[in-house]
């Protein structure tokens, strides 16, 4: 049994998931390992508040765009990024980091942040057992347990 990227991913309790949008000349994709709630305390439990989180399980979540984007009124150049979060009880910092080939948040380096966005997640959503990301023509959506957020984006 190996570790990191060489582990047999078919046996993971947090399966590898992906969502891709192809619209005209725009391609967006997000690849992540999707943890489950499994009757655990997620927020400020499994996911501690005020600490860097890989926004998923196993490898860092990877977001890729072939076009420059404006996300929540801030620029994100085309490229491949890891997505990290710093959740708190009130707001979250969502981070797009240039180092995408990481296991968890262990190699996270703040100096490689390309974009940071502060958002207030919705916390009254219906129960979502598995963590999900979805991309559509105007938003990047995150849902898990009873929290979620939508990041609006447009082409630059």
N, C-alpha and C. Protein backbone atom coordinates (compact mmCIF):
# COMPACT_ATOMS: atom_id res chain seq x y z
N UNK A 1 0.85 -1.19 0.00
CA UNK A 1 0.00 0.00 0.00
C UNK A 1 0.89 1.23 0.00
N UNK A 2 0.68 2.10 -0.95
CA UNK A 2 1.49 3.31 -1.05
C UNK A 2 0.82 4.47 -0.35
N UNK A 3 1.37 5.64 -0.60
CA UNK A 3 0.77 6.84 -0.04
C UNK A 3 0.75 7.91 -1.12
N UNK A 4 0.05 8.97 -0.84
CA UNK A 4 -0.01 10.09 -1.78
C UNK A 4 -0.59 9.70 -3.12
N UNK A 5 -0.04 10.21 -4.18
CA UNK A 5 -0.58 9.99 -5.52
C UNK A 5 -0.41 8.56 -6.01
N UNK A 6 0.35 7.72 -5.32
CA UNK A 6 0.58 6.36 -5.78
C UNK A 6 -0.33 5.36 -5.09
N UNK A 7 -1.18 5.81 -4.19
CA UNK A 7 -2.12 4.95 -3.50
C UNK A 7 -3.22 4.52 -4.47
N UNK A 8 -3.76 3.31 -4.28
CA UNK A 8 -4.88 2.84 -5.08
C UNK A 8 -6.10 3.69 -4.76
N UNK A 9 -6.47 4.58 -5.67
CA UNK A 9 -7.54 5.53 -5.37
C UNK A 9 -8.92 4.88 -5.38
N UNK A 10 -9.06 3.69 -5.93
CA UNK A 10 -10.38 3.04 -5.95
C UNK A 10 -10.84 2.62 -4.56
N UNK A 11 -9.92 2.50 -3.62
CA UNK A 11 -10.29 2.06 -2.27
C UNK A 11 -10.46 3.22 -1.29
N UNK A 12 -10.37 4.43 -1.75
CA UNK A 12 -10.48 5.60 -0.86
C UNK A 12 -11.92 5.81 -0.39
N UNK A 13 -12.10 6.19 0.89
CA UNK A 13 -13.44 6.52 1.36
C UNK A 13 -13.94 7.87 0.82
N UNK A 14 -13.04 8.69 0.27
CA UNK A 14 -13.42 9.97 -0.35
C UNK A 14 -13.08 9.87 -1.84
N UNK A 15 -14.04 9.42 -2.65
CA UNK A 15 -13.75 9.15 -4.06
C UNK A 15 -13.36 10.39 -4.86
N UNK A 16 -12.56 10.15 -5.89
CA UNK A 16 -12.14 11.21 -6.80
C UNK A 16 -13.34 11.59 -7.68
N UNK A 17 -13.62 12.88 -7.76
CA UNK A 17 -14.74 13.40 -8.55
C UNK A 17 -14.22 14.52 -9.44
N UNK A 18 -14.99 14.86 -10.47
CA UNK A 18 -14.62 15.96 -11.36
C UNK A 18 -15.89 16.56 -11.97
N UNK A 19 -15.82 17.82 -12.29
CA UNK A 19 -16.88 18.48 -13.03
C UNK A 19 -16.21 19.37 -14.06
N UNK A 20 -16.73 19.34 -15.28
CA UNK A 20 -16.14 20.10 -16.38
C UNK A 20 -17.24 20.85 -17.12
N UNK A 21 -16.91 22.06 -17.50
CA UNK A 21 -17.81 22.87 -18.33
C UNK A 21 -17.09 23.19 -19.63
N UNK A 22 -17.76 22.93 -20.74
CA UNK A 22 -17.27 23.32 -22.05
C UNK A 22 -18.36 24.19 -22.66
N UNK A 23 -18.07 25.48 -22.83
CA UNK A 23 -19.04 26.42 -23.38
C UNK A 23 -18.32 27.32 -24.36
N UNK A 24 -18.56 27.12 -25.66
CA UNK A 24 -17.84 27.88 -26.68
C UNK A 24 -16.35 27.58 -26.58
N UNK A 25 -15.53 28.62 -26.45
CA UNK A 25 -14.08 28.40 -26.34
C UNK A 25 -13.60 28.35 -24.89
N UNK A 26 -14.54 28.26 -23.94
CA UNK A 26 -14.19 28.17 -22.52
C UNK A 26 -14.25 26.73 -22.04
N UNK A 27 -13.19 26.31 -21.35
CA UNK A 27 -13.20 25.02 -20.67
C UNK A 27 -12.78 25.26 -19.23
N UNK A 28 -13.64 24.85 -18.30
CA UNK A 28 -13.34 24.90 -16.87
C UNK A 28 -13.44 23.48 -16.34
N UNK A 29 -12.52 23.12 -15.45
CA UNK A 29 -12.64 21.81 -14.82
C UNK A 29 -12.20 21.91 -13.36
N UNK A 30 -12.81 21.08 -12.56
CA UNK A 30 -12.44 20.99 -11.15
C UNK A 30 -12.41 19.51 -10.79
N UNK A 31 -11.29 19.10 -10.17
CA UNK A 31 -11.08 17.71 -9.78
C UNK A 31 -10.79 17.70 -8.29
N UNK A 32 -11.48 16.82 -7.56
CA UNK A 32 -11.37 16.85 -6.10
C UNK A 32 -11.72 15.47 -5.53
N UNK A 33 -11.26 15.20 -4.34
CA UNK A 33 -11.69 14.01 -3.60
C UNK A 33 -12.83 14.44 -2.70
N UNK A 34 -13.92 13.70 -2.76
CA UNK A 34 -15.18 14.09 -2.13
C UNK A 34 -15.40 13.35 -0.81
N UNK A 35 -15.08 14.00 0.32
CA UNK A 35 -15.35 13.36 1.61
C UNK A 35 -16.84 13.30 1.91
N UNK A 36 -17.22 12.44 2.84
CA UNK A 36 -18.60 12.28 3.28
C UNK A 36 -18.74 12.76 4.72
N UNK A 37 -19.92 13.17 5.10
CA UNK A 37 -20.16 13.63 6.47
C UNK A 37 -20.03 12.46 7.45
N UNK A 38 -20.68 11.36 7.17
CA UNK A 38 -20.63 10.16 8.02
C UNK A 38 -20.90 10.46 9.50
N UNK A 39 -21.91 11.26 9.77
CA UNK A 39 -22.34 11.59 11.14
C UNK A 39 -21.25 12.26 11.97
N UNK A 40 -20.32 12.94 11.31
CA UNK A 40 -19.26 13.66 12.03
C UNK A 40 -19.58 15.15 12.10
N UNK A 41 -18.98 15.84 13.06
CA UNK A 41 -19.04 17.31 13.11
C UNK A 41 -18.04 17.82 12.08
N UNK A 42 -18.52 18.46 11.05
CA UNK A 42 -17.65 18.89 9.95
C UNK A 42 -17.01 20.24 10.26
N UNK A 43 -17.82 21.28 10.43
CA UNK A 43 -17.30 22.64 10.56
C UNK A 43 -16.82 22.89 11.98
N UNK A 44 -15.55 23.23 12.10
CA UNK A 44 -14.82 23.38 13.35
C UNK A 44 -14.70 22.04 14.08
N UNK A 45 -14.69 20.97 13.28
CA UNK A 45 -14.47 19.60 13.74
C UNK A 45 -13.49 18.95 12.79
N UNK A 46 -14.01 18.18 11.83
CA UNK A 46 -13.17 17.59 10.78
C UNK A 46 -12.40 18.69 10.05
N UNK A 47 -13.08 19.80 9.78
CA UNK A 47 -12.45 20.97 9.13
C UNK A 47 -12.32 22.06 10.19
N UNK A 48 -11.13 22.24 10.76
CA UNK A 48 -10.96 23.26 11.81
C UNK A 48 -11.13 24.67 11.26
N UNK A 49 -11.69 25.54 12.08
CA UNK A 49 -11.78 26.95 11.71
C UNK A 49 -10.41 27.60 11.82
N UNK A 50 -10.22 28.62 10.97
CA UNK A 50 -9.03 29.48 10.98
C UNK A 50 -7.73 28.75 10.65
N UNK A 51 -7.83 27.62 9.94
CA UNK A 51 -6.64 26.89 9.47
C UNK A 51 -6.82 26.59 7.98
N UNK A 52 -5.70 26.50 7.27
CA UNK A 52 -5.74 26.20 5.84
C UNK A 52 -6.32 24.81 5.63
N UNK A 53 -7.24 24.68 4.68
CA UNK A 53 -7.88 23.40 4.36
C UNK A 53 -7.79 23.17 2.86
N UNK A 54 -7.50 21.98 2.44
CA UNK A 54 -7.35 21.65 1.02
C UNK A 54 -8.68 21.67 0.25
N UNK A 55 -9.78 21.95 0.93
CA UNK A 55 -11.12 21.99 0.35
C UNK A 55 -11.45 20.68 -0.35
N UNK A 56 -11.34 19.63 0.41
CA UNK A 56 -11.62 18.28 -0.05
C UNK A 56 -10.81 17.31 0.78
N UNK A 57 -10.51 16.17 0.22
CA UNK A 57 -9.71 15.15 0.89
C UNK A 57 -8.56 14.75 -0.03
N UNK A 58 -7.61 14.05 0.53
CA UNK A 58 -6.48 13.50 -0.23
C UNK A 58 -5.67 14.61 -0.92
N UNK A 59 -5.49 14.53 -2.25
CA UNK A 59 -4.75 15.58 -2.96
C UNK A 59 -5.51 16.89 -2.90
N UNK A 60 -4.80 17.96 -3.13
CA UNK A 60 -5.45 19.28 -3.20
C UNK A 60 -6.44 19.29 -4.36
N UNK A 61 -7.53 20.01 -4.18
CA UNK A 61 -8.52 20.20 -5.24
C UNK A 61 -7.88 21.03 -6.34
N UNK A 62 -8.10 20.63 -7.60
CA UNK A 62 -7.47 21.30 -8.75
C UNK A 62 -8.53 21.94 -9.63
N UNK A 63 -8.32 23.23 -9.92
CA UNK A 63 -9.20 24.01 -10.80
C UNK A 63 -8.38 24.42 -12.01
N UNK A 64 -8.94 24.24 -13.20
CA UNK A 64 -8.22 24.62 -14.42
C UNK A 64 -9.13 25.38 -15.36
N UNK A 65 -8.60 26.47 -15.92
CA UNK A 65 -9.33 27.27 -16.90
C UNK A 65 -8.41 27.59 -18.08
N UNK A 66 -8.97 27.54 -19.27
CA UNK A 66 -8.19 27.88 -20.45
C UNK A 66 -8.38 29.34 -20.87
N UNK A 67 -9.13 30.09 -20.06
CA UNK A 67 -9.35 31.51 -20.33
C UNK A 67 -9.13 32.31 -19.05
N UNK A 68 -8.69 33.57 -19.20
CA UNK A 68 -8.61 34.46 -18.05
C UNK A 68 -10.03 34.72 -17.54
N UNK A 69 -10.18 34.72 -16.21
CA UNK A 69 -11.49 34.91 -15.60
C UNK A 69 -11.49 36.09 -14.64
N UNK A 70 -12.66 36.61 -14.39
CA UNK A 70 -12.92 37.55 -13.29
C UNK A 70 -13.81 36.78 -12.32
N UNK A 71 -13.29 36.48 -11.13
CA UNK A 71 -14.05 35.75 -10.11
C UNK A 71 -14.32 36.72 -8.97
N UNK A 72 -15.60 36.94 -8.70
CA UNK A 72 -16.00 37.88 -7.64
C UNK A 72 -15.25 39.21 -7.79
N UNK A 73 -15.19 39.71 -9.02
CA UNK A 73 -14.58 40.99 -9.37
C UNK A 73 -13.06 41.03 -9.22
N UNK A 74 -12.41 39.87 -9.18
CA UNK A 74 -10.94 39.81 -9.12
C UNK A 74 -10.44 38.91 -10.24
N UNK A 75 -9.26 39.26 -10.82
CA UNK A 75 -8.74 38.51 -11.97
C UNK A 75 -8.04 37.22 -11.57
N UNK A 76 -8.29 36.20 -12.39
CA UNK A 76 -7.59 34.92 -12.29
C UNK A 76 -7.12 34.58 -13.69
N UNK A 77 -5.79 34.63 -13.94
CA UNK A 77 -5.29 34.28 -15.27
C UNK A 77 -5.56 32.82 -15.60
N UNK A 78 -5.67 32.52 -16.90
CA UNK A 78 -5.86 31.12 -17.30
C UNK A 78 -4.72 30.28 -16.72
N UNK A 79 -5.04 29.05 -16.39
CA UNK A 79 -4.03 28.17 -15.82
C UNK A 79 -4.64 27.09 -14.95
N UNK A 80 -3.77 26.43 -14.19
CA UNK A 80 -4.14 25.33 -13.32
C UNK A 80 -3.78 25.72 -11.90
N UNK A 81 -4.72 25.56 -10.97
CA UNK A 81 -4.56 26.03 -9.60
C UNK A 81 -5.10 25.00 -8.61
N UNK A 82 -4.55 25.02 -7.41
CA UNK A 82 -5.18 24.30 -6.31
C UNK A 82 -6.15 25.28 -5.64
N UNK A 83 -7.19 24.72 -5.02
CA UNK A 83 -8.14 25.54 -4.27
C UNK A 83 -8.01 25.17 -2.80
N UNK A 84 -7.73 26.17 -1.99
CA UNK A 84 -7.67 26.02 -0.54
C UNK A 84 -8.70 26.95 0.07
N UNK A 85 -9.04 26.68 1.32
CA UNK A 85 -9.98 27.53 2.05
C UNK A 85 -9.45 27.75 3.46
N UNK A 86 -9.81 28.88 4.01
CA UNK A 86 -9.62 29.13 5.45
C UNK A 86 -11.01 29.47 5.97
N UNK A 87 -11.71 28.44 6.48
CA UNK A 87 -13.06 28.70 6.99
C UNK A 87 -13.04 29.27 8.40
N UNK A 88 -14.01 30.12 8.68
CA UNK A 88 -14.25 30.61 10.04
C UNK A 88 -15.75 30.50 10.28
N UNK A 89 -16.18 30.84 11.44
CA UNK A 89 -17.60 30.79 11.75
C UNK A 89 -18.40 31.79 10.92
N UNK A 90 -17.78 32.89 10.52
CA UNK A 90 -18.49 33.95 9.79
C UNK A 90 -18.19 33.97 8.29
N UNK A 91 -16.91 34.02 7.93
CA UNK A 91 -16.50 34.16 6.54
C UNK A 91 -15.46 33.10 6.19
N UNK A 92 -15.30 32.89 4.90
CA UNK A 92 -14.25 31.99 4.42
C UNK A 92 -13.35 32.77 3.48
N UNK A 93 -12.07 32.40 3.48
CA UNK A 93 -11.15 32.88 2.46
C UNK A 93 -10.96 31.72 1.48
N UNK A 94 -11.28 31.97 0.22
CA UNK A 94 -11.10 30.98 -0.84
C UNK A 94 -9.82 31.37 -1.58
N UNK A 95 -8.93 30.40 -1.77
CA UNK A 95 -7.60 30.67 -2.31
C UNK A 95 -7.37 29.85 -3.57
N UNK A 96 -6.93 30.51 -4.62
CA UNK A 96 -6.46 29.84 -5.84
C UNK A 96 -4.94 29.96 -5.81
N UNK A 97 -4.26 28.83 -5.71
CA UNK A 97 -2.81 28.80 -5.52
C UNK A 97 -2.14 28.19 -6.74
N UNK A 98 -1.00 28.76 -7.16
CA UNK A 98 -0.31 28.31 -8.37
C UNK A 98 0.30 26.91 -8.26
N UNK A 99 0.52 26.43 -7.05
CA UNK A 99 1.07 25.08 -6.84
C UNK A 99 -0.11 24.12 -6.73
N UNK A 100 -0.36 23.34 -7.76
CA UNK A 100 -1.56 22.50 -7.79
C UNK A 100 -1.26 21.02 -7.53
N UNK A 101 -0.05 20.60 -7.64
CA UNK A 101 0.29 19.18 -7.52
C UNK A 101 0.73 18.87 -6.09
N UNK A 102 -0.22 18.93 -5.15
CA UNK A 102 0.09 18.77 -3.73
C UNK A 102 -0.76 17.68 -3.10
N UNK A 103 -0.22 17.07 -2.06
CA UNK A 103 -1.02 16.17 -1.23
C UNK A 103 -1.55 17.01 -0.06
N UNK A 104 -2.85 17.12 0.03
CA UNK A 104 -3.45 17.90 1.11
C UNK A 104 -2.97 19.34 1.08
N UNK A 105 -2.79 19.89 2.27
CA UNK A 105 -2.31 21.27 2.40
C UNK A 105 -0.89 21.29 2.94
N UNK A 106 -0.22 20.13 2.96
CA UNK A 106 1.10 20.04 3.59
C UNK A 106 2.15 20.89 2.90
N UNK A 107 2.09 21.02 1.59
CA UNK A 107 3.07 21.83 0.87
C UNK A 107 2.56 23.21 0.52
N UNK A 108 1.43 23.61 1.12
CA UNK A 108 0.85 24.91 0.80
C UNK A 108 1.83 26.03 1.12
N UNK A 109 1.97 26.95 0.16
CA UNK A 109 2.86 28.09 0.31
C UNK A 109 2.07 29.36 -0.06
N UNK A 110 1.82 30.19 0.93
CA UNK A 110 1.03 31.41 0.72
C UNK A 110 1.63 32.31 -0.36
N UNK A 111 2.95 32.29 -0.52
CA UNK A 111 3.59 33.14 -1.53
C UNK A 111 3.18 32.75 -2.95
N UNK A 112 2.61 31.55 -3.12
CA UNK A 112 2.17 31.10 -4.44
C UNK A 112 0.68 31.33 -4.68
N UNK A 113 0.04 32.06 -3.77
CA UNK A 113 -1.37 32.39 -3.97
C UNK A 113 -1.51 33.31 -5.18
N UNK A 114 -2.41 32.97 -6.07
CA UNK A 114 -2.72 33.81 -7.22
C UNK A 114 -3.90 34.72 -6.91
N UNK A 115 -4.86 34.20 -6.12
CA UNK A 115 -6.07 34.95 -5.85
C UNK A 115 -6.65 34.52 -4.51
N UNK A 116 -7.09 35.50 -3.72
CA UNK A 116 -7.80 35.24 -2.46
C UNK A 116 -9.12 36.02 -2.51
N UNK A 117 -10.18 35.33 -2.12
CA UNK A 117 -11.51 35.93 -2.12
C UNK A 117 -12.14 35.65 -0.76
N UNK A 118 -12.71 36.66 -0.13
CA UNK A 118 -13.44 36.45 1.13
C UNK A 118 -14.93 36.40 0.82
N UNK A 119 -15.57 35.33 1.29
CA UNK A 119 -17.00 35.15 1.04
C UNK A 119 -17.71 34.79 2.34
N UNK A 120 -19.00 34.92 2.34
CA UNK A 120 -19.82 34.46 3.46
C UNK A 120 -20.64 33.29 2.92
N UNK A 121 -20.36 32.06 3.38
CA UNK A 121 -21.11 30.91 2.87
C UNK A 121 -22.55 30.90 3.39
N UNK A 122 -23.42 30.26 2.65
CA UNK A 122 -24.79 30.02 3.11
C UNK A 122 -24.75 28.85 4.07
N UNK A 123 -25.41 28.97 5.22
CA UNK A 123 -25.33 27.90 6.19
C UNK A 123 -26.67 27.30 6.55
N UNK A 124 -27.68 27.52 5.73
CA UNK A 124 -28.99 26.97 6.02
C UNK A 124 -29.46 26.05 4.90
N UNK A 125 -28.53 25.42 4.23
CA UNK A 125 -28.87 24.55 3.11
C UNK A 125 -29.30 23.18 3.63
N UNK A 126 -30.01 22.43 2.80
CA UNK A 126 -30.38 21.07 3.19
C UNK A 126 -29.11 20.21 3.26
N UNK A 127 -29.21 19.12 4.00
CA UNK A 127 -28.05 18.26 4.24
C UNK A 127 -27.48 17.71 2.93
N UNK A 128 -26.17 17.82 2.76
CA UNK A 128 -25.45 17.30 1.60
C UNK A 128 -24.39 16.36 2.14
N UNK A 129 -24.60 15.05 2.03
CA UNK A 129 -23.70 14.05 2.61
C UNK A 129 -22.30 14.12 1.98
N UNK A 130 -22.23 14.17 0.66
CA UNK A 130 -20.93 14.19 -0.01
C UNK A 130 -20.58 15.62 -0.43
N UNK A 131 -19.30 15.97 -0.30
CA UNK A 131 -18.84 17.28 -0.72
C UNK A 131 -18.86 17.33 -2.25
N UNK A 132 -19.38 18.43 -2.80
CA UNK A 132 -19.44 18.56 -4.26
C UNK A 132 -18.99 19.95 -4.71
N UNK A 133 -18.41 19.96 -5.88
CA UNK A 133 -18.15 21.18 -6.64
C UNK A 133 -18.87 21.02 -7.97
N UNK A 134 -19.44 22.10 -8.46
CA UNK A 134 -20.06 22.13 -9.79
C UNK A 134 -19.66 23.44 -10.44
N UNK A 135 -19.45 23.39 -11.75
CA UNK A 135 -19.21 24.62 -12.52
C UNK A 135 -20.31 24.75 -13.56
N UNK A 136 -20.81 25.96 -13.72
CA UNK A 136 -21.76 26.22 -14.79
C UNK A 136 -21.29 27.48 -15.53
N UNK A 137 -22.14 28.06 -16.32
CA UNK A 137 -21.70 29.17 -17.17
C UNK A 137 -21.48 30.48 -16.43
N UNK A 138 -21.78 30.52 -15.13
CA UNK A 138 -21.54 31.77 -14.40
C UNK A 138 -21.08 31.58 -12.96
N UNK A 139 -21.08 30.35 -12.45
CA UNK A 139 -20.70 30.14 -11.05
C UNK A 139 -19.86 28.87 -10.85
N UNK A 140 -19.08 28.92 -9.79
CA UNK A 140 -18.39 27.75 -9.25
C UNK A 140 -19.09 27.49 -7.92
N UNK A 141 -19.72 26.33 -7.80
CA UNK A 141 -20.55 26.04 -6.63
C UNK A 141 -19.88 25.00 -5.74
N UNK A 142 -19.96 25.23 -4.44
CA UNK A 142 -19.45 24.29 -3.44
C UNK A 142 -20.58 23.97 -2.48
N UNK A 143 -20.74 22.69 -2.12
CA UNK A 143 -21.73 22.26 -1.13
C UNK A 143 -21.15 21.12 -0.30
N UNK A 144 -21.39 21.18 1.02
CA UNK A 144 -21.08 20.05 1.90
C UNK A 144 -21.77 20.27 3.23
N UNK A 145 -22.31 19.21 3.75
CA UNK A 145 -23.08 19.21 4.99
C UNK A 145 -24.18 20.25 4.84
N UNK A 146 -24.22 21.29 5.66
CA UNK A 146 -25.27 22.30 5.51
C UNK A 146 -24.73 23.64 5.00
N UNK A 147 -23.48 23.65 4.49
CA UNK A 147 -22.88 24.90 4.00
C UNK A 147 -22.66 24.85 2.49
N UNK A 148 -22.58 26.03 1.91
CA UNK A 148 -22.26 26.12 0.50
C UNK A 148 -21.96 27.54 0.10
N UNK A 149 -21.41 27.70 -1.08
CA UNK A 149 -21.20 29.03 -1.64
C UNK A 149 -21.20 28.94 -3.15
N UNK A 150 -21.45 30.08 -3.78
CA UNK A 150 -21.35 30.23 -5.23
C UNK A 150 -20.37 31.37 -5.48
N UNK A 151 -19.34 31.09 -6.25
CA UNK A 151 -18.42 32.15 -6.71
C UNK A 151 -18.86 32.52 -8.11
N UNK A 152 -19.21 33.76 -8.32
CA UNK A 152 -19.60 34.17 -9.68
C UNK A 152 -18.34 34.50 -10.48
N UNK A 153 -18.40 34.20 -11.77
CA UNK A 153 -17.25 34.49 -12.62
C UNK A 153 -17.73 34.94 -13.99
N UNK A 154 -16.83 35.60 -14.71
CA UNK A 154 -17.07 36.01 -16.09
C UNK A 154 -15.74 35.93 -16.81
N UNK A 155 -15.79 35.92 -18.12
CA UNK A 155 -14.55 35.94 -18.90
C UNK A 155 -13.93 37.31 -18.82
N UNK A 156 -12.62 37.34 -18.78
CA UNK A 156 -11.87 38.59 -18.69
C UNK A 156 -11.84 39.26 -20.04
